[in-house]
Amino acid sequence: DTIAPIQVPKEETDEATKMILEFYDKYIRLQDKMLCHECQEELIRIKKRYLSNKLIKKIKPITEYRDMDPIVNAQDIIIEWLDSIKVKKINSKRYNVYLFNFYDNRYDSIQLKVAKKKDRYIIDDIIF
């Protein structure tokens, strides 16, 4: 791993933003080495921790029947995204995640909805 863990900007105190960055950091790193058997189990644990059950059910058929991952809105995971990922708060429940599209040399966005579950935030929906 040559890519350092994502550093949340010091001025950023939004708990949902921190959670989103933490999730994408773990998710992208794990997807980058998806061939190991333990990785599948770890992926399930990560999804259960950061995503709502509703969202897990929504994305399951998409990932099974289409050659596309709705969490990153792409076919392939690129570890270099961790160097350039950005999260922007739209309102109290909506956030955009920006991943750099190296092919088109621009950022692509993923629209998320977050929800508070007990004392922490989870990703409740992906708008696609």
C-alpha atoms as a PDB file:
ATOM      1  CA  ASP A   1       0.000   0.000   0.000  1.00  0.00           C
ATOM      2  CA  THR A   2       1.713   3.140  -1.175  1.00  0.00           C
ATOM      3  CA  ILE A   3      -1.355   5.305  -0.677  1.00  0.00           C
ATOM      4  CA  ALA A   4      -1.636   6.829   2.780  1.00  0.00           C
ATOM      5  CA  PRO A   5      -4.951   6.707   4.643  1.00  0.00           C
ATOM      6  CA  ILE A   6      -7.281   9.570   3.862  1.00  0.00           C
ATOM      7  CA  GLN A   7      -6.702  12.564   6.087  1.00  0.00           C
ATOM      8  CA  VAL A   8      -9.853  14.431   7.028  1.00  0.00           C
ATOM      9  CA  PRO A   9      -9.219  18.170   6.681  1.00  0.00           C
ATOM     10  CA  LYS A  10      -8.660  19.701  10.132  1.00  0.00           C
ATOM     11  CA  GLU A  11     -11.288  22.383   9.572  1.00  0.00           C
ATOM     12  CA  GLU A  12     -13.857  19.704   8.743  1.00  0.00           C
ATOM     13  CA  THR A  13     -15.786  18.686  11.835  1.00  0.00           C
ATOM     14  CA  ASP A  14     -18.867  17.178  10.225  1.00  0.00           C
ATOM     15  CA  GLU A  15     -19.304  13.645  11.580  1.00  0.00           C
ATOM     16  CA  ALA A  16     -21.113  12.411   8.470  1.00  0.00           C
ATOM     17  CA  THR A  17     -18.264  13.607   6.223  1.00  0.00           C
ATOM     18  CA  LYS A  18     -15.744  11.781   8.413  1.00  0.00           C
ATOM     19  CA  MET A  19     -17.855   8.618   8.260  1.00  0.00           C
ATOM     20  CA  ILE A  20     -18.169   8.830   4.445  1.00  0.00           C
ATOM     21  CA  LEU A  21     -14.408   9.278   4.009  1.00  0.00           C
ATOM     22  CA  GLU A  22     -13.716   6.421   6.427  1.00  0.00           C
ATOM     23  CA  PHE A  23     -16.140   4.136   4.568  1.00  0.00           C
ATOM     24  CA  TYR A  24     -14.740   4.906   1.106  1.00  0.00           C
ATOM     25  CA  ASP A  25     -11.174   4.500   2.358  1.00  0.00           C
ATOM     26  CA  LYS A  26     -11.916   1.016   3.742  1.00  0.00           C
ATOM     27  CA  TYR A  27     -14.150   0.027   0.825  1.00  0.00           C
ATOM     28  CA  ILE A  28     -11.725   1.043  -1.938  1.00  0.00           C
ATOM     29  CA  ARG A  29      -8.710  -0.537  -0.192  1.00  0.00           C
ATOM     30  CA  LEU A  30     -10.602  -3.791   0.295  1.00  0.00           C
ATOM     31  CA  GLN A  31     -11.967  -3.857  -3.255  1.00  0.00           C
ATOM     32  CA  ASP A  32      -8.429  -3.289  -4.525  1.00  0.00           C
ATOM     33  CA  LYS A  33      -7.425  -6.687  -3.100  1.00  0.00           C
ATOM     34  CA  MET A  34     -10.727  -8.510  -3.569  1.00  0.00           C
ATOM     35  CA  LEU A  35      -9.267 -11.835  -4.604  1.00  0.00           C
ATOM     36  CA  CYS A  36      -8.631 -12.988  -1.032  1.00  0.00           C
ATOM     37  CA  HIS A  37     -11.371 -15.091   0.604  1.00  0.00           C
ATOM     38  CA  GLU A  38     -11.349 -13.171   3.911  1.00  0.00           C
ATOM     39  CA  CYS A  39     -11.928  -9.972   1.943  1.00  0.00           C
ATOM     40  CA  GLN A  40     -15.488 -11.041   1.070  1.00  0.00           C
ATOM     41  CA  GLU A  41     -16.340 -11.459   4.746  1.00  0.00           C
ATOM     42  CA  GLU A  42     -14.660  -8.176   5.641  1.00  0.00           C
ATOM     43  CA  LEU A  43     -16.601  -6.447   2.854  1.00  0.00           C
ATOM     44  CA  ILE A  44     -19.881  -7.697   4.342  1.00  0.00           C
ATOM     45  CA  ARG A  45     -18.837  -6.375   7.788  1.00  0.00           C
ATOM     46  CA  ILE A  46     -17.907  -2.968   6.338  1.00  0.00           C
ATOM     47  CA  LYS A  47     -21.218  -2.691   4.475  1.00  0.00           C
ATOM     48  CA  LYS A  48     -23.196  -3.635   7.602  1.00  0.00           C
ATOM     49  CA  ARG A  49     -21.339  -1.023   9.657  1.00  0.00           C
ATOM     50  CA  TYR A  50     -21.577   1.905   7.225  1.00  0.00           C
ATOM     51  CA  LEU A  51     -24.656   1.224   5.048  1.00  0.00           C
ATOM     52  CA  SER A  52     -28.328   0.921   5.977  1.00  0.00           C
ATOM     53  CA  ASN A  53     -30.048  -2.421   5.429  1.00  0.00           C
ATOM     54  CA  LYS A  54     -32.310  -0.671   2.916  1.00  0.00           C
ATOM     55  CA  LEU A  55     -29.292   0.447   0.865  1.00  0.00           C
ATOM     56  CA  ILE A  56     -27.624  -2.975   1.027  1.00  0.00           C
ATOM     57  CA  LYS A  57     -30.829  -4.517  -0.382  1.00  0.00           C
ATOM     58  CA  LYS A  58     -31.059  -1.800  -3.061  1.00  0.00           C
ATOM     59  CA  ILE A  59     -27.514  -2.264  -4.389  1.00  0.00           C
ATOM     60  CA  LYS A  60     -27.377  -6.088  -4.186  1.00  0.00           C
ATOM     61  CA  PRO A  61     -29.215  -6.770  -7.485  1.00  0.00           C
ATOM     62  CA  ILE A  62     -27.264  -4.019  -9.256  1.00  0.00           C
ATOM     63  CA  THR A  63     -23.882  -5.469  -8.315  1.00  0.00           C
ATOM     64  CA  GLU A  64     -25.030  -9.013  -9.152  1.00  0.00           C
ATOM     65  CA  TYR A  65     -26.602  -8.354 -12.572  1.00  0.00           C
ATOM     66  CA  ARG A  66     -24.683  -5.384 -13.917  1.00  0.00           C
ATOM     67  CA  ASP A  67     -20.957  -5.052 -14.334  1.00  0.00           C
ATOM     68  CA  MET A  68     -20.955  -1.927 -12.202  1.00  0.00           C
ATOM     69  CA  ASP A  69     -20.473  -0.951  -8.577  1.00  0.00           C
ATOM     70  CA  PRO A  70     -23.033   1.683  -7.512  1.00  0.00           C
ATOM     71  CA  ILE A  71     -21.015   2.591  -4.412  1.00  0.00           C
ATOM     72  CA  VAL A  72     -18.287   4.058  -6.628  1.00  0.00           C
ATOM     73  CA  ASN A  73     -20.415   4.445  -9.773  1.00  0.00           C
ATOM     74  CA  ALA A  74     -17.833   2.583 -11.851  1.00  0.00           C
ATOM     75  CA  GLN A  75     -16.904  -0.846 -13.155  1.00  0.00           C
ATOM     76  CA  ASP A  76     -13.441  -0.926 -11.677  1.00  0.00           C
ATOM     77  CA  ILE A  77     -12.029   0.291  -8.383  1.00  0.00           C
ATOM     78  CA  ILE A  78      -8.967   2.526  -8.685  1.00  0.00           C
ATOM     79  CA  ILE A  79      -6.839   2.747  -5.542  1.00  0.00           C
ATOM     80  CA  GLU A  80      -5.549   6.180  -6.678  1.00  0.00           C
ATOM     81  CA  TRP A  81      -9.023   7.580  -5.952  1.00  0.00           C
ATOM     82  CA  LEU A  82      -7.918   7.735  -2.328  1.00  0.00           C
ATOM     83  CA  ASP A  83      -5.486  10.501  -3.251  1.00  0.00           C
ATOM     84  CA  SER A  84      -8.201  12.716  -4.716  1.00  0.00           C
ATOM     85  CA  ILE A  85     -11.552  11.805  -3.096  1.00  0.00           C
ATOM     86  CA  LYS A  86     -13.667  14.752  -1.992  1.00  0.00           C
ATOM     87  CA  VAL A  87     -16.887  14.929   0.034  1.00  0.00           C
ATOM     88  CA  LYS A  88     -19.199  17.936  -0.097  1.00  0.00           C
ATOM     89  CA  LYS A  89     -22.121  18.485   2.237  1.00  0.00           C
ATOM     90  CA  ILE A  90     -25.223  19.566   0.294  1.00  0.00           C
ATOM     91  CA  ASN A  91     -27.599  19.726   3.275  1.00  0.00           C
ATOM     92  CA  SER A  92     -28.073  17.884   6.574  1.00  0.00           C
ATOM     93  CA  LYS A  93     -28.930  14.612   4.814  1.00  0.00           C
ATOM     94  CA  ARG A  94     -27.309  14.855   1.369  1.00  0.00           C
ATOM     95  CA  TYR A  95     -23.662  14.603   0.480  1.00  0.00           C
ATOM     96  CA  ASN A  96     -21.772  14.300  -2.775  1.00  0.00           C
ATOM     97  CA  VAL A  97     -18.684  12.135  -3.096  1.00  0.00           C
ATOM     98  CA  TYR A  98     -16.306  13.072  -5.894  1.00  0.00           C
ATOM     99  CA  LEU A  99     -13.967  10.483  -7.391  1.00  0.00           C
ATOM    100  CA  PHE A 100     -11.492  11.466 -10.074  1.00  0.00           C
ATOM    101  CA  ASN A 101     -12.201   9.944 -13.476  1.00  0.00           C
ATOM    102  CA  PHE A 102      -8.693   9.461 -14.869  1.00  0.00           C
ATOM    103  CA  TYR A 103      -9.988   8.459 -18.294  1.00  0.00           C
ATOM    104  CA  ASP A 104     -11.983  11.689 -18.813  1.00  0.00           C
ATOM    105  CA  ASN A 105      -9.716  13.806 -16.597  1.00  0.00           C
ATOM    106  CA  ARG A 106     -12.573  15.122 -14.444  1.00  0.00           C
ATOM    107  CA  TYR A 107     -14.414  14.388 -11.210  1.00  0.00           C
ATOM    108  CA  ASP A 108     -17.526  12.193 -11.195  1.00  0.00           C
ATOM    109  CA  SER A 109     -19.999  12.577  -8.362  1.00  0.00           C
ATOM    110  CA  ILE A 110     -21.978  10.096  -6.317  1.00  0.00           C
ATOM    111  CA  GLN A 111     -24.979  11.449  -4.431  1.00  0.00           C
ATOM    112  CA  LEU A 112     -25.529   9.986  -0.977  1.00  0.00           C
ATOM    113  CA  LYS A 113     -28.136  10.364   1.729  1.00  0.00           C
ATOM    114  CA  VAL A 114     -27.020   9.866   5.298  1.00  0.00           C
ATOM    115  CA  ALA A 115     -29.060   9.050   8.381  1.00  0.00           C
ATOM    116  CA  LYS A 116     -28.339   9.026  12.085  1.00  0.00           C
ATOM    117  CA  LYS A 117     -28.478   5.538  13.577  1.00  0.00           C
ATOM    118  CA  LYS A 118     -28.233   5.637  17.354  1.00  0.00           C
ATOM    119  CA  ASP A 119     -25.125   7.748  18.015  1.00  0.00           C
ATOM    120  CA  ARG A 120     -23.502   7.605  14.572  1.00  0.00           C
ATOM    121  CA  TYR A 121     -24.155   8.280  10.900  1.00  0.00           C
ATOM    122  CA  ILE A 122     -24.676   5.677   8.194  1.00  0.00           C
ATOM    123  CA  ILE A 123     -25.086   5.934   4.437  1.00  0.00           C
ATOM    124  CA  ASP A 124     -28.821   5.439   3.923  1.00  0.00           C
ATOM    125  CA  ASP A 125     -29.145   5.785   0.162  1.00  0.00           C
ATOM    126  CA  ILE A 126     -27.243   6.311  -3.073  1.00  0.00           C
ATOM    127  CA  ILE A 127     -29.130   8.270  -5.709  1.00  0.00           C
ATOM    128  CA  PHE A 128     -28.663   6.777  -9.179  1.00  0.00           C
END
